[in-house]
Amino acid sequence: MLGAFLGYALSNLLFVILHVTGSGSFPRPLTAKEEREYLERFQNGDMEARSKLIEHNLRLVAHIIKNG
């Protein structure tokens, strides 16, 4: 029951994020180099890098939710 609710909530959150950004699609995945750079910046406290990592991994989150 809780799992179904969380899946529903996350899928709606993704819809809202895509709607707010106006793109209707997910950002392209980061390259391995970009991901390493953003991870290093995030480890050093850069919250903008954290946001970038989250945004560019939304496709993976949606895939996990869809295929559970």
Protein backbone atom coordinates (compact mmCIF):
# COMPACT_ATOMS: atom_id res chain seq x y z
CA MET A 1 0.00 0.00 0.00
CA LEU A 2 2.75 2.44 0.97
CA GLY A 3 4.78 1.47 -2.10
CA ALA A 4 1.85 2.16 -4.40
CA PHE A 5 1.27 5.54 -2.78
CA LEU A 6 4.95 6.49 -3.07
CA GLY A 7 5.00 5.44 -6.73
CA TYR A 8 1.91 7.52 -7.41
CA ALA A 9 3.34 10.52 -5.56
CA LEU A 10 6.69 10.32 -7.37
CA SER A 11 5.08 9.98 -10.78
CA ASN A 12 2.96 13.07 -10.08
CA LEU A 13 6.04 14.92 -8.86
CA LEU A 14 7.81 14.13 -12.13
CA PHE A 15 4.81 15.41 -14.07
CA VAL A 16 4.84 18.67 -12.10
CA ILE A 17 8.58 19.12 -12.60
CA LEU A 18 8.28 18.58 -16.35
CA HIS A 19 5.26 20.87 -16.54
CA VAL A 20 7.00 23.66 -14.61
CA THR A 21 10.12 23.45 -16.75
CA GLY A 22 7.90 23.62 -19.82
CA SER A 23 10.00 21.14 -21.73
CA GLY A 24 7.72 18.11 -21.49
CA SER A 25 10.78 15.88 -21.69
CA PHE A 26 13.66 14.88 -19.49
CA PRO A 27 17.05 16.56 -19.72
CA ARG A 28 19.69 14.55 -21.54
CA PRO A 29 21.78 12.25 -19.34
CA LEU A 30 25.10 13.64 -18.15
CA THR A 31 28.30 12.27 -19.62
CA ALA A 32 30.52 10.29 -17.25
CA LYS A 33 32.89 13.26 -17.08
CA GLU A 34 30.09 15.74 -16.31
CA GLU A 35 28.67 13.43 -13.66
CA ARG A 36 32.08 13.12 -11.95
CA GLU A 37 32.49 16.91 -12.00
CA TYR A 38 29.04 17.53 -10.52
CA LEU A 39 29.57 14.81 -7.88
CA GLU A 40 32.86 16.41 -6.82
CA ARG A 41 31.24 19.85 -6.64
CA PHE A 42 28.32 18.45 -4.63
CA GLN A 43 30.71 16.74 -2.21
CA ASN A 44 32.26 20.17 -1.68
CA GLY A 45 28.88 21.66 -0.77
CA ASP A 46 27.68 23.00 -4.14
CA MET A 47 23.87 22.78 -4.01
CA GLU A 48 23.55 23.85 -7.65
CA ALA A 49 25.55 20.75 -8.61
CA ARG A 50 23.19 18.67 -6.47
CA SER A 51 20.19 20.07 -8.35
CA LYS A 52 21.85 19.37 -11.69
CA LEU A 53 22.49 15.74 -10.71
CA ILE A 54 18.87 15.33 -9.65
CA GLU A 55 17.45 16.95 -12.79
CA HIS A 56 19.60 14.91 -15.14
CA ASN A 57 18.70 11.62 -13.43
CA LEU A 58 14.92 12.09 -13.61
CA ARG A 59 14.78 9.77 -16.62
CA LEU A 60 16.24 6.96 -14.48
CA VAL A 61 13.79 7.69 -11.67
CA ALA A 62 10.85 7.58 -14.09
CA HIS A 63 12.10 4.28 -15.53
CA ILE A 64 12.37 2.75 -12.06
CA ILE A 65 8.89 3.96 -11.11
CA LYS A 66 7.38 2.70 -14.36
CA ASN A 67 9.01 -0.73 -14.22
CA GLY A 68 8.98 -0.98 -10.43
